[in-house]
Amino acid sequence: MDIGNISIDPPVMLAPMAGVSNRAFRAVARKQGATLCITEMVNANALLHHSAKSYWLMEIDPGESPVGIQIAGADPDAMAEAAIAAAKQGAHLIDINMGCPVPKVVKNGAGSALLNDMDGAVRVVQTVVQSVEIPVTVKMRAGWDDNHITAPQLAEAFERVGAQAIFLHARTREDQYRRPANWQYVKRVKERVSIPVVGNGDVETPQDALRMLEQTGADGVMIGRASFGDPWVFQRISYFLQTGQPLPAPSAEQRAGMALWHVQRMVEIKGESTGIAEMRKQLAWYLKGTPGSAAYRAQCTKITTEQDARTLVAEWLDHARNEALSWN
């Protein structure tokens, strides 16, 4: 699959997720086979006000390629400025957020609110496309609710003004994350456009990925929550799509090793205090898979230093070696 001049092969990608897809998490995902990673959402208005956090969100590791920077906003000019800033940071593509359901984003007309504003949404995409030379994509939900499924029509309009791919989360804004994804929305969008369409939502296993591709005609899959604590999911999906054969789940030693690598990378990027604080929830995702793992996950809320994390992981590993490991 190609997005503009960017080859995404195999087309198994990491979704942009606020508070998750930072530099450390993207590095973990890429190590395990994610062929395109998208940053956390960057607020265009905050960027115009020179928010240090916004610039930090756009930081890219040396050699991180390809990577997209996701921007959010409803004002076309502000979004164009944000896209230019993102391109200067080294982004290989600009992704426009039209899926975020969070009220503080929606009330400003951004995120999934744009699904109800055809003219405004098209202006945003067209202005961003005209502002940069790198590909522009749109990450969107199917619509505001079941009675307003606007993604097929919007995708068609976005293609006309120059968008080069659609990443579709197969839920509505009203669905949040509660209802099962409806992959038929992906199929409906794919039938309306000639640019690549990537499906997102409830792809948790290699078999899920294959079913989505077969049922929808999508050009690729984008993985979000299924990668929490299990970055190997990218590798398993890619291998299965290429060979039809499953790969084994990671061992306890592999999980512990990746957890510690992730902790170390977070500390390197953010310093020990902030890095460990932000790593607590992610560390808990790694320490699962046995009947007694809940007690170790609960301790993640109390760690304050890298040594705390290393000690906890070592204790979990001693426990996990004597238990039957599973992801469920």
C-alpha atoms as a PDB file:
ATOM      1  CA  MET A   1       0.000   0.000   0.000  1.00  0.00           C
ATOM      2  CA  ASP A   2       1.266   3.471  -0.902  1.00  0.00           C
ATOM      3  CA  ILE A   3       0.233   6.787   0.618  1.00  0.00           C
ATOM      4  CA  GLY A   4       1.545   9.304  -1.860  1.00  0.00           C
ATOM      5  CA  ASN A   5       5.191   8.371  -2.263  1.00  0.00           C
ATOM      6  CA  ILE A   6       5.300   6.477   1.054  1.00  0.00           C
ATOM      7  CA  SER A   7       5.283   2.688   0.875  1.00  0.00           C
ATOM      8  CA  ILE A   8       3.535   0.983   3.802  1.00  0.00           C
ATOM      9  CA  ASP A   9       4.346  -2.704   3.564  1.00  0.00           C
ATOM     10  CA  PRO A  10       2.900  -4.722   5.142  1.00  0.00           C
ATOM     11  CA  PRO A  11       0.046  -2.276   5.836  1.00  0.00           C
ATOM     12  CA  VAL A  12      -0.200  -2.848   9.599  1.00  0.00           C
ATOM     13  CA  MET A  13      -0.125   0.465  11.429  1.00  0.00           C
ATOM     14  CA  LEU A  14      -0.220   2.030  14.889  1.00  0.00           C
ATOM     15  CA  ALA A  15      -3.219   4.298  15.476  1.00  0.00           C
ATOM     16  CA  PRO A  16      -2.765   7.756  16.973  1.00  0.00           C
ATOM     17  CA  MET A  17      -3.845   7.670  20.621  1.00  0.00           C
ATOM     18  CA  ALA A  18      -3.726  10.565  23.069  1.00  0.00           C
ATOM     19  CA  GLY A  19      -1.557   9.767  26.059  1.00  0.00           C
ATOM     20  CA  VAL A  20      -0.255   6.587  24.445  1.00  0.00           C
ATOM     21  CA  SER A  21       1.429   6.903  21.034  1.00  0.00           C
ATOM     22  CA  ASN A  22       4.362   8.970  22.248  1.00  0.00           C
ATOM     23  CA  ARG A  23       7.949   8.537  21.062  1.00  0.00           C
ATOM     24  CA  ALA A  24       8.630   5.614  23.386  1.00  0.00           C
ATOM     25  CA  PHE A  25       5.456   3.711  22.510  1.00  0.00           C
ATOM     26  CA  ARG A  26       6.005   4.303  18.794  1.00  0.00           C
ATOM     27  CA  ALA A  27       9.528   2.919  19.107  1.00  0.00           C
ATOM     28  CA  VAL A  28       8.171  -0.200  20.810  1.00  0.00           C
ATOM     29  CA  ALA A  29       5.495  -0.655  18.121  1.00  0.00           C
ATOM     30  CA  ARG A  30       7.982  -0.148  15.313  1.00  0.00           C
ATOM     31  CA  LYS A  31      10.397  -2.686  16.846  1.00  0.00           C
ATOM     32  CA  GLN A  32       7.578  -5.223  16.587  1.00  0.00           C
ATOM     33  CA  GLY A  33       6.522  -4.519  13.025  1.00  0.00           C
ATOM     34  CA  ALA A  34       4.258  -1.452  12.864  1.00  0.00           C
ATOM     35  CA  THR A  35       5.085  -0.033   9.427  1.00  0.00           C
ATOM     36  CA  LEU A  36       3.537   3.406  10.012  1.00  0.00           C
ATOM     37  CA  CYS A  37       3.108   5.165  13.344  1.00  0.00           C
ATOM     38  CA  ILE A  38       1.069   8.304  13.998  1.00  0.00           C
ATOM     39  CA  THR A  39       1.740  10.672  16.888  1.00  0.00           C
ATOM     40  CA  GLU A  40      -0.620  11.737  19.586  1.00  0.00           C
ATOM     41  CA  MET A  41      -3.078  14.452  18.580  1.00  0.00           C
ATOM     42  CA  VAL A  42      -1.572  17.961  18.431  1.00  0.00           C
ATOM     43  CA  ASN A  43      -4.006  20.839  18.986  1.00  0.00           C
ATOM     44  CA  ALA A  44      -3.545  23.407  16.223  1.00  0.00           C
ATOM     45  CA  ASN A  45      -4.599  26.370  18.377  1.00  0.00           C
ATOM     46  CA  ALA A  46      -2.225  25.378  21.163  1.00  0.00           C
ATOM     47  CA  LEU A  47       0.553  25.130  18.611  1.00  0.00           C
ATOM     48  CA  LEU A  48      -0.163  28.660  17.391  1.00  0.00           C
ATOM     49  CA  HIS A  49       0.197  29.843  20.982  1.00  0.00           C
ATOM     50  CA  HIS A  50       3.633  28.178  21.112  1.00  0.00           C
ATOM     51  CA  SER A  51       2.598  25.524  23.613  1.00  0.00           C
ATOM     52  CA  ALA A  52       5.708  23.667  24.708  1.00  0.00           C
ATOM     53  CA  LYS A  53       3.670  20.483  25.147  1.00  0.00           C
ATOM     54  CA  SER A  54       2.445  20.685  21.560  1.00  0.00           C
ATOM     55  CA  TYR A  55       5.971  20.920  20.228  1.00  0.00           C
ATOM     56  CA  TRP A  56       7.013  18.060  22.486  1.00  0.00           C
ATOM     57  CA  LEU A  57       4.205  15.910  21.053  1.00  0.00           C
ATOM     58  CA  MET A  58       5.651  16.490  17.587  1.00  0.00           C
ATOM     59  CA  GLU A  59       9.162  15.344  18.471  1.00  0.00           C
ATOM     60  CA  ILE A  60      10.348  12.468  16.324  1.00  0.00           C
ATOM     61  CA  ASP A  61      13.161  10.042  17.066  1.00  0.00           C
ATOM     62  CA  PRO A  62      16.136  10.078  14.687  1.00  0.00           C
ATOM     63  CA  GLY A  63      15.516   7.486  12.009  1.00  0.00           C
ATOM     64  CA  GLU A  64      11.815   7.143  12.845  1.00  0.00           C
ATOM     65  CA  SER A  65      10.301   6.585   9.422  1.00  0.00           C
ATOM     66  CA  PRO A  66       7.687   6.771   8.208  1.00  0.00           C
ATOM     67  CA  VAL A  67       5.834   8.725  10.868  1.00  0.00           C
ATOM     68  CA  GLY A  68       2.761  10.918  10.657  1.00  0.00           C
ATOM     69  CA  ILE A  69       1.938  13.846  12.901  1.00  0.00           C
ATOM     70  CA  GLN A  70      -1.745  14.181  13.717  1.00  0.00           C
ATOM     71  CA  ILE A  71      -3.232  17.655  14.061  1.00  0.00           C
ATOM     72  CA  ALA A  72      -6.665  18.675  15.314  1.00  0.00           C
ATOM     73  CA  GLY A  73      -8.691  21.831  14.892  1.00  0.00           C
ATOM     74  CA  ALA A  74     -11.581  23.418  13.012  1.00  0.00           C
ATOM     75  CA  ASP A  75     -10.011  26.618  11.686  1.00  0.00           C
ATOM     76  CA  PRO A  76      -8.476  25.992   8.243  1.00  0.00           C
ATOM     77  CA  ASP A  77      -5.775  28.637   8.592  1.00  0.00           C
ATOM     78  CA  ALA A  78      -4.712  27.425  12.034  1.00  0.00           C
ATOM     79  CA  MET A  79      -4.632  23.869  10.741  1.00  0.00           C
ATOM     80  CA  ALA A  80      -2.487  24.934   7.789  1.00  0.00           C
ATOM     81  CA  GLU A  81      -0.007  26.591  10.142  1.00  0.00           C
ATOM     82  CA  ALA A  82       0.046  23.486  12.300  1.00  0.00           C
ATOM     83  CA  ALA A  83       0.662  21.308   9.246  1.00  0.00           C
ATOM     84  CA  ILE A  84       3.575  23.489   8.169  1.00  0.00           C
ATOM     85  CA  ALA A  85       5.069  23.261  11.668  1.00  0.00           C
ATOM     86  CA  ALA A  86       4.623  19.478  11.655  1.00  0.00           C
ATOM     87  CA  ALA A  87       6.307  19.167   8.278  1.00  0.00           C
ATOM     88  CA  LYS A  88       9.248  21.190   9.586  1.00  0.00           C
ATOM     89  CA  GLN A  89       9.517  18.734  12.492  1.00  0.00           C
ATOM     90  CA  GLY A  90      10.160  15.958  10.013  1.00  0.00           C
ATOM     91  CA  ALA A  91       6.717  14.376   9.566  1.00  0.00           C
ATOM     92  CA  HIS A  92       6.359  12.184   6.502  1.00  0.00           C
ATOM     93  CA  LEU A  93       2.620  12.786   6.401  1.00  0.00           C
ATOM     94  CA  ILE A  94       0.038  14.992   8.096  1.00  0.00           C
ATOM     95  CA  ASP A  95      -2.998  13.260   9.591  1.00  0.00           C
ATOM     96  CA  ILE A  96      -6.116  15.314  10.323  1.00  0.00           C
ATOM     97  CA  ASN A  97      -8.178  14.247  13.335  1.00  0.00           C
ATOM     98  CA  MET A  98     -11.888  13.953  12.649  1.00  0.00           C
ATOM     99  CA  GLY A  99     -12.566  11.173  15.107  1.00  0.00           C
ATOM    100  CA  CYS A 100     -11.821  12.368  18.639  1.00  0.00           C
ATOM    101  CA  PRO A 101     -15.071  12.137  20.653  1.00  0.00           C
ATOM    102  CA  VAL A 102     -13.821  13.998  23.748  1.00  0.00           C
ATOM    103  CA  PRO A 103     -16.219  16.845  24.708  1.00  0.00           C
ATOM    104  CA  LYS A 104     -13.512  19.507  25.142  1.00  0.00           C
ATOM    105  CA  VAL A 105     -12.400  18.857  21.551  1.00  0.00           C
ATOM    106  CA  VAL A 106     -15.873  18.536  20.077  1.00  0.00           C
ATOM    107  CA  LYS A 107     -17.204  21.726  21.683  1.00  0.00           C
ATOM    108  CA  ASN A 108     -14.627  23.698  19.697  1.00  0.00           C
ATOM    109  CA  GLY A 109     -15.859  22.196  16.445  1.00  0.00           C
ATOM    110  CA  ALA A 110     -12.863  19.895  16.051  1.00  0.00           C
ATOM    111  CA  GLY A 111     -12.441  16.110  16.114  1.00  0.00           C
ATOM    112  CA  SER A 112     -15.644  14.221  15.399  1.00  0.00           C
ATOM    113  CA  ALA A 113     -17.653  17.487  15.384  1.00  0.00           C
ATOM    114  CA  LEU A 114     -16.360  18.009  11.839  1.00  0.00           C
ATOM    115  CA  LEU A 115     -18.328  14.933  10.772  1.00  0.00           C
ATOM    116  CA  ASN A 116     -21.432  17.152  11.043  1.00  0.00           C
ATOM    117  CA  ASP A 117     -19.910  20.025   9.077  1.00  0.00           C
ATOM    118  CA  MET A 118     -19.302  18.933   5.502  1.00  0.00           C
ATOM    119  CA  ASP A 119     -18.251  22.331   4.189  1.00  0.00           C
ATOM    120  CA  GLY A 120     -16.011  23.078   7.164  1.00  0.00           C
ATOM    121  CA  ALA A 121     -14.386  19.645   7.070  1.00  0.00           C
ATOM    122  CA  VAL A 122     -13.621  19.922   3.360  1.00  0.00           C
ATOM    123  CA  ARG A 123     -12.166  23.414   3.811  1.00  0.00           C
ATOM    124  CA  VAL A 124      -9.854  22.124   6.525  1.00  0.00           C
ATOM    125  CA  VAL A 125      -8.586  19.254   4.377  1.00  0.00           C
ATOM    126  CA  GLN A 126      -8.196  21.386   1.255  1.00  0.00           C
ATOM    127  CA  THR A 127      -6.313  24.140   3.082  1.00  0.00           C
ATOM    128  CA  VAL A 128      -3.963  21.686   4.762  1.00  0.00           C
ATOM    129  CA  VAL A 129      -3.301  19.883   1.469  1.00  0.00           C
ATOM    130  CA  GLN A 130      -2.421  23.183  -0.178  1.00  0.00           C
ATOM    131  CA  SER A 131      -0.096  24.191   2.671  1.00  0.00           C
ATOM    132  CA  VAL A 132       2.343  21.259   2.596  1.00  0.00           C
ATOM    133  CA  GLU A 133       4.110  19.095   0.048  1.00  0.00           C
ATOM    134  CA  ILE A 134       3.860  15.858   2.024  1.00  0.00           C
ATOM    135  CA  PRO A 135       0.780  13.562   1.919  1.00  0.00           C
ATOM    136  CA  VAL A 136      -2.305  14.465   3.951  1.00  0.00           C
ATOM    137  CA  THR A 137      -4.560  11.782   5.449  1.00  0.00           C
ATOM    138  CA  VAL A 138      -7.748  11.915   7.513  1.00  0.00           C
ATOM    139  CA  LYS A 139      -8.478   9.771  10.586  1.00  0.00           C
ATOM    140  CA  MET A 140     -12.245   9.796  11.050  1.00  0.00           C
ATOM    141  CA  ARG A 141     -15.168   7.974  12.567  1.00  0.00           C
ATOM    142  CA  ALA A 142     -18.109   6.719  10.542  1.00  0.00           C
ATOM    143  CA  GLY A 143     -20.369   9.561  11.604  1.00  0.00           C
ATOM    144  CA  TRP A 144     -21.873  11.350  14.562  1.00  0.00           C
ATOM    145  CA  ASP A 145     -24.439   8.619  15.277  1.00  0.00           C
ATOM    146  CA  ASP A 146     -26.248   5.801  13.497  1.00  0.00           C
ATOM    147  CA  ASN A 147     -28.595   8.281  11.834  1.00  0.00           C
ATOM    148  CA  HIS A 148     -25.773  10.425  10.485  1.00  0.00           C
ATOM    149  CA  ILE A 149     -23.210   8.184   8.768  1.00  0.00           C
ATOM    150  CA  THR A 150     -21.295  10.841   6.861  1.00  0.00           C
ATOM    151  CA  ALA A 151     -17.914   9.184   6.332  1.00  0.00           C
ATOM    152  CA  PRO A 152     -18.590   7.811   2.821  1.00  0.00           C
ATOM    153  CA  GLN A 153     -19.651  11.192   1.460  1.00  0.00           C
ATOM    154  CA  LEU A 154     -16.909  13.044   3.320  1.00  0.00           C
ATOM    155  CA  ALA A 155     -14.217  10.634   2.146  1.00  0.00           C
ATOM    156  CA  GLU A 156     -15.267  11.207  -1.442  1.00  0.00           C
ATOM    157  CA  ALA A 157     -15.014  14.971  -0.950  1.00  0.00           C
ATOM    158  CA  PHE A 158     -11.648  14.668   0.789  1.00  0.00           C
ATOM    159  CA  GLU A 159     -10.253  12.681  -2.123  1.00  0.00           C
ATOM    160  CA  ARG A 160     -11.380  15.399  -4.535  1.00  0.00           C
ATOM    161  CA  VAL A 161      -9.431  18.064  -2.624  1.00  0.00           C
ATOM    162  CA  GLY A 162      -6.257  16.007  -2.356  1.00  0.00           C
ATOM    163  CA  ALA A 163      -6.347  13.724   0.707  1.00  0.00           C
ATOM    164  CA  GLN A 164      -4.246  10.645  -0.024  1.00  0.00           C
ATOM    165  CA  ALA A 165      -5.682   8.114   2.434  1.00  0.00           C
ATOM    166  CA  ILE A 166      -8.539   7.611   4.871  1.00  0.00           C
ATOM    167  CA  PHE A 167      -8.080   5.922   8.251  1.00  0.00           C
ATOM    168  CA  LEU A 168     -11.576   4.900   9.344  1.00  0.00           C
ATOM    169  CA  HIS A 169     -12.487   4.005  12.919  1.00  0.00           C
ATOM    170  CA  ALA A 170     -15.592   1.896  12.354  1.00  0.00           C
ATOM    171  CA  ARG A 171     -17.649   3.455  15.125  1.00  0.00           C
ATOM    172  CA  THR A 172     -19.701   6.621  15.437  1.00  0.00           C
ATOM    173  CA  ARG A 173     -19.003   9.411  17.878  1.00  0.00           C
ATOM    174  CA  GLU A 174     -22.037   8.343  19.891  1.00  0.00           C
ATOM    175  CA  ASP A 175     -20.626   4.812  20.110  1.00  0.00           C
ATOM    176  CA  GLN A 176     -17.493   6.079  21.883  1.00  0.00           C
ATOM    177  CA  TYR A 177     -15.715   2.729  22.501  1.00  0.00           C
ATOM    178  CA  ARG A 178     -18.693   0.928  23.992  1.00  0.00           C
ATOM    179  CA  ARG A 179     -20.305  -0.766  21.001  1.00  0.00           C
ATOM    180  CA  PRO A 180     -18.593  -3.282  18.720  1.00  0.00           C
ATOM    181  CA  ALA A 181     -17.056  -1.728  15.622  1.00  0.00           C
ATOM    182  CA  ASN A 182     -19.174  -2.030  12.474  1.00  0.00           C
ATOM    183  CA  TRP A 183     -16.739  -2.969   9.717  1.00  0.00           C
ATOM    184  CA  GLN A 184     -19.405  -2.389   7.065  1.00  0.00           C
ATOM    185  CA  TYR A 185     -18.688   1.316   7.472  1.00  0.00           C
ATOM    186  CA  VAL A 186     -15.163   0.640   6.213  1.00  0.00           C
ATOM    187  CA  LYS A 187     -16.571  -1.196   3.198  1.00  0.00           C
ATOM    188  CA  ARG A 188     -18.935   1.679   2.408  1.00  0.00           C
ATOM    189  CA  VAL A 189     -16.077   4.175   2.432  1.00  0.00           C
ATOM    190  CA  LYS A 190     -13.838   1.913   0.345  1.00  0.00           C
ATOM    191  CA  GLU A 191     -16.559   1.640  -2.284  1.00  0.00           C
ATOM    192  CA  ARG A 192     -16.647   5.428  -2.676  1.00  0.00           C
ATOM    193  CA  VAL A 193     -12.961   6.300  -3.097  1.00  0.00           C
ATOM    194  CA  SER A 194      -9.890   5.181  -5.009  1.00  0.00           C
ATOM    195  CA  ILE A 195      -7.330   6.310  -2.410  1.00  0.00           C
ATOM    196  CA  PRO A 196      -6.245   3.806   0.271  1.00  0.00           C
ATOM    197  CA  VAL A 197      -8.700   3.104   3.084  1.00  0.00           C
ATOM    198  CA  VAL A 198      -7.365   1.662   6.337  1.00  0.00           C
ATOM    199  CA  GLY A 199      -9.742   0.002   8.784  1.00  0.00           C
ATOM    200  CA  ASN A 200      -9.569   0.541  12.545  1.00  0.00           C
ATOM    201  CA  GLY A 201     -11.670  -0.861  15.361  1.00  0.00           C
ATOM    202  CA  ASP A 202     -11.810  -4.246  17.105  1.00  0.00           C
ATOM    203  CA  VAL A 203      -8.813  -5.671  15.235  1.00  0.00           C
ATOM    204  CA  GLU A 204      -7.301  -7.648  18.094  1.00  0.00           C
ATOM    205  CA  THR A 205      -5.901 -10.784  16.457  1.00  0.00           C
ATOM    206  CA  PRO A 206      -4.349 -11.810  13.142  1.00  0.00           C
ATOM    207  CA  GLN A 207      -7.600 -13.541  12.264  1.00  0.00           C
ATOM    208  CA  ASP A 208      -9.504 -10.297  12.931  1.00  0.00           C
ATOM    209  CA  ALA A 209      -7.171  -8.430  10.582  1.00  0.00           C
ATOM    210  CA  LEU A 210      -7.692 -10.925   7.793  1.00  0.00           C
ATOM    211  CA  ARG A 211     -11.471 -10.864   8.242  1.00  0.00           C
ATOM    212  CA  MET A 212     -11.542  -7.077   8.132  1.00  0.00           C
ATOM    213  CA  LEU A 213      -9.526  -6.992   4.926  1.00  0.00           C
ATOM    214  CA  GLU A 214     -11.666  -9.692   3.319  1.00  0.00           C
ATOM    215  CA  GLN A 215     -15.012  -8.277   4.436  1.00  0.00           C
ATOM    216  CA  THR A 216     -14.326  -4.629   3.637  1.00  0.00           C
ATOM    217  CA  GLY A 217     -11.758  -4.531   0.842  1.00  0.00           C
ATOM    218  CA  ALA A 218      -9.646  -2.228   3.019  1.00  0.00           C
ATOM    219  CA  ASP A 219      -6.046  -1.646   2.023  1.00  0.00           C
ATOM    220  CA  GLY A 220      -4.658  -2.056   5.529  1.00  0.00           C
ATOM    221  CA  VAL A 221      -5.406  -2.224   9.229  1.00  0.00           C
ATOM    222  CA  MET A 222      -4.675   0.205  12.031  1.00  0.00           C
ATOM    223  CA  ILE A 223      -4.219  -1.155  15.539  1.00  0.00           C
ATOM    224  CA  GLY A 224      -5.005   0.814  18.671  1.00  0.00           C
ATOM    225  CA  ARG A 225      -5.954  -0.642  22.041  1.00  0.00           C
ATOM    226  CA  ALA A 226      -5.001  -4.195  21.066  1.00  0.00           C
ATOM    227  CA  SER A 227      -1.350  -3.087  21.194  1.00  0.00           C
ATOM    228  CA  PHE A 228      -1.520  -2.062  24.857  1.00  0.00           C
ATOM    229  CA  GLY A 229       1.070  -4.255  26.531  1.00  0.00           C
ATOM    230  CA  ASP A 230       1.179  -6.410  23.395  1.00  0.00           C
ATOM    231  CA  PRO A 231       3.218  -4.652  20.698  1.00  0.00           C
ATOM    232  CA  TRP A 232       3.932  -8.108  19.268  1.00  0.00           C
ATOM    233  CA  VAL A 233       0.431  -7.947  17.778  1.00  0.00           C
ATOM    234  CA  PHE A 234       1.854  -6.052  14.773  1.00  0.00           C
ATOM    235  CA  GLN A 235       4.342  -8.818  14.090  1.00  0.00           C
ATOM    236  CA  ARG A 236       1.754 -11.559  14.546  1.00  0.00           C
ATOM    237  CA  ILE A 237      -0.684  -9.868  12.161  1.00  0.00           C
ATOM    238  CA  SER A 238       1.932  -9.170   9.498  1.00  0.00           C
ATOM    239  CA  TYR A 239       3.251 -12.733   9.617  1.00  0.00           C
ATOM    240  CA  PHE A 240      -0.230 -14.226   9.458  1.00  0.00           C
ATOM    241  CA  LEU A 241      -1.261 -12.051   6.504  1.00  0.00           C
ATOM    242  CA  GLN A 242       1.900 -13.014   4.632  1.00  0.00           C
ATOM    243  CA  THR A 243       2.045 -16.737   5.439  1.00  0.00           C
ATOM    244  CA  GLY A 244      -1.299 -17.822   6.856  1.00  0.00           C
ATOM    245  CA  GLN A 245       0.564 -19.194   9.850  1.00  0.00           C
ATOM    246  CA  PRO A 246       0.309 -18.029  13.474  1.00  0.00           C
ATOM    247  CA  LEU A 247       3.236 -16.894  15.572  1.00  0.00           C
ATOM    248  CA  PRO A 248       3.391 -17.853  19.247  1.00  0.00           C
ATOM    249  CA  ALA A 249       2.504 -15.280  21.871  1.00  0.00           C
ATOM    250  CA  PRO A 250       5.498 -13.737  23.649  1.00  0.00           C
ATOM    251  CA  SER A 251       6.974 -15.523  26.631  1.00  0.00           C
ATOM    252  CA  ALA A 252       7.067 -14.059  30.113  1.00  0.00           C
ATOM    253  CA  GLU A 253      10.747 -13.227  29.570  1.00  0.00           C
ATOM    254  CA  GLN A 254       9.938 -11.361  26.370  1.00  0.00           C
ATOM    255  CA  ARG A 255       7.166  -9.378  28.043  1.00  0.00           C
ATOM    256  CA  ALA A 256       9.396  -8.469  30.949  1.00  0.00           C
ATOM    257  CA  GLY A 257      12.237  -7.484  28.640  1.00  0.00           C
ATOM    258  CA  MET A 258      10.044  -5.257  26.501  1.00  0.00           C
ATOM    259  CA  ALA A 259       8.474  -3.665  29.577  1.00  0.00           C
ATOM    260  CA  LEU A 260      11.910  -2.737  30.898  1.00  0.00           C
ATOM    261  CA  TRP A 261      13.064  -1.421  27.528  1.00  0.00           C
ATOM    262  CA  HIS A 262       9.910   0.711  27.386  1.00  0.00           C
ATOM    263  CA  VAL A 263      10.510   2.018  30.914  1.00  0.00           C
ATOM    264  CA  GLN A 264      14.102   2.912  30.082  1.00  0.00           C
ATOM    265  CA  ARG A 265      13.081   4.729  26.890  1.00  0.00           C
ATOM    266  CA  MET A 266      10.428   6.740  28.727  1.00  0.00           C
ATOM    267  CA  VAL A 267      12.942   7.796  31.362  1.00  0.00           C
ATOM    268  CA  GLU A 268      15.447   8.795  28.665  1.00  0.00           C
ATOM    269  CA  ILE A 269      12.853  10.929  26.901  1.00  0.00           C
ATOM    270  CA  LYS A 270      11.006  12.505  29.830  1.00  0.00           C
ATOM    271  CA  GLY A 271      13.241  12.126  32.845  1.00  0.00           C
ATOM    272  CA  GLU A 272      12.637   9.748  35.707  1.00  0.00           C
ATOM    273  CA  SER A 273       9.837  11.542  37.560  1.00  0.00           C
ATOM    274  CA  THR A 274       7.594  12.259  34.571  1.00  0.00           C
ATOM    275  CA  GLY A 275       8.604   9.172  32.634  1.00  0.00           C
ATOM    276  CA  ILE A 276       7.742   6.782  35.450  1.00  0.00           C
ATOM    277  CA  ALA A 277       4.485   8.587  36.255  1.00  0.00           C
ATOM    278  CA  GLU A 278       3.361   8.274  32.641  1.00  0.00           C
ATOM    279  CA  MET A 279       4.616   4.704  32.404  1.00  0.00           C
ATOM    280  CA  ARG A 280       2.495   3.351  35.261  1.00  0.00           C
ATOM    281  CA  LYS A 281      -0.560   2.494  33.177  1.00  0.00           C
ATOM    282  CA  GLN A 282       1.563   1.133  30.344  1.00  0.00           C
ATOM    283  CA  LEU A 283       3.612  -1.053  32.664  1.00  0.00           C
ATOM    284  CA  ALA A 284       0.385  -2.515  34.013  1.00  0.00           C
ATOM    285  CA  TRP A 285      -0.549  -3.550  30.472  1.00  0.00           C
ATOM    286  CA  TYR A 286       2.574  -5.695  30.234  1.00  0.00           C
ATOM    287  CA  LEU A 287       2.098  -7.406  33.598  1.00  0.00           C
ATOM    288  CA  LYS A 288      -0.880  -9.556  32.757  1.00  0.00           C
ATOM    289  CA  GLY A 289      -1.584 -13.057  31.610  1.00  0.00           C
ATOM    290  CA  THR A 290      -1.708 -15.115  34.819  1.00  0.00           C
ATOM    291  CA  PRO A 291      -4.359 -15.589  37.528  1.00  0.00           C
ATOM    292  CA  GLY A 292      -2.190 -13.700  40.015  1.00  0.00           C
ATOM    293  CA  SER A 293      -1.132 -10.820  37.773  1.00  0.00           C
ATOM    294  CA  ALA A 294      -3.733  -8.390  39.099  1.00  0.00           C
ATOM    295  CA  ALA A 295      -1.763  -7.910  42.310  1.00  0.00           C
ATOM    296  CA  TYR A 296       1.329  -6.874  40.355  1.00  0.00           C
ATOM    297  CA  ARG A 297      -0.637  -4.545  38.107  1.00  0.00           C
ATOM    298  CA  ALA A 298      -2.104  -2.847  41.157  1.00  0.00           C
ATOM    299  CA  GLN A 299       1.415  -2.084  42.400  1.00  0.00           C
ATOM    300  CA  CYS A 300       2.133  -0.137  39.207  1.00  0.00           C
ATOM    301  CA  THR A 301       0.215   2.823  40.619  1.00  0.00           C
ATOM    302  CA  LYS A 302       2.781   3.139  43.417  1.00  0.00           C
ATOM    303  CA  ILE A 303       6.073   3.135  41.525  1.00  0.00           C
ATOM    304  CA  THR A 304       8.049   6.389  41.499  1.00  0.00           C
ATOM    305  CA  THR A 305      11.511   5.413  40.244  1.00  0.00           C
ATOM    306  CA  GLU A 306      13.028   3.335  37.463  1.00  0.00           C
ATOM    307  CA  GLN A 307      14.373   0.959  40.106  1.00  0.00           C
ATOM    308  CA  ASP A 308      10.841   0.510  41.477  1.00  0.00           C
ATOM    309  CA  ALA A 309       9.734  -0.515  37.999  1.00  0.00           C
ATOM    310  CA  ARG A 310      12.637  -2.911  37.540  1.00  0.00           C
ATOM    311  CA  THR A 311      11.985  -4.544  40.908  1.00  0.00           C
ATOM    312  CA  LEU A 312       8.286  -4.956  40.166  1.00  0.00           C
ATOM    313  CA  VAL A 313       8.908  -6.469  36.741  1.00  0.00           C
ATOM    314  CA  ALA A 314      11.434  -8.912  38.228  1.00  0.00           C
ATOM    315  CA  GLU A 315       8.893  -9.990  40.868  1.00  0.00           C
ATOM    316  CA  TRP A 316       6.200 -10.467  38.220  1.00  0.00           C
ATOM    317  CA  LEU A 317       8.581 -12.488  36.073  1.00  0.00           C
ATOM    318  CA  ASP A 318       9.416 -14.844  38.952  1.00  0.00           C
ATOM    319  CA  HIS A 319       5.687 -15.347  39.410  1.00  0.00           C
ATOM    320  CA  ALA A 320       4.847 -15.691  35.707  1.00  0.00           C
ATOM    321  CA  ARG A 321       7.503 -18.311  35.018  1.00  0.00           C
ATOM    322  CA  ASN A 322       5.520 -20.727  37.190  1.00  0.00           C
ATOM    323  CA  GLU A 323       2.120 -19.994  35.679  1.00  0.00           C
ATOM    324  CA  ALA A 324       0.370 -20.702  32.421  1.00  0.00           C
ATOM    325  CA  LEU A 325       0.529 -17.495  30.409  1.00  0.00           C
ATOM    326  CA  SER A 326      -2.293 -16.198  28.213  1.00  0.00           C
ATOM    327  CA  TRP A 327      -3.500 -12.849  26.914  1.00  0.00           C
ATOM    328  CA  ASN A 328      -7.088 -13.355  28.014  1.00  0.00           C
END
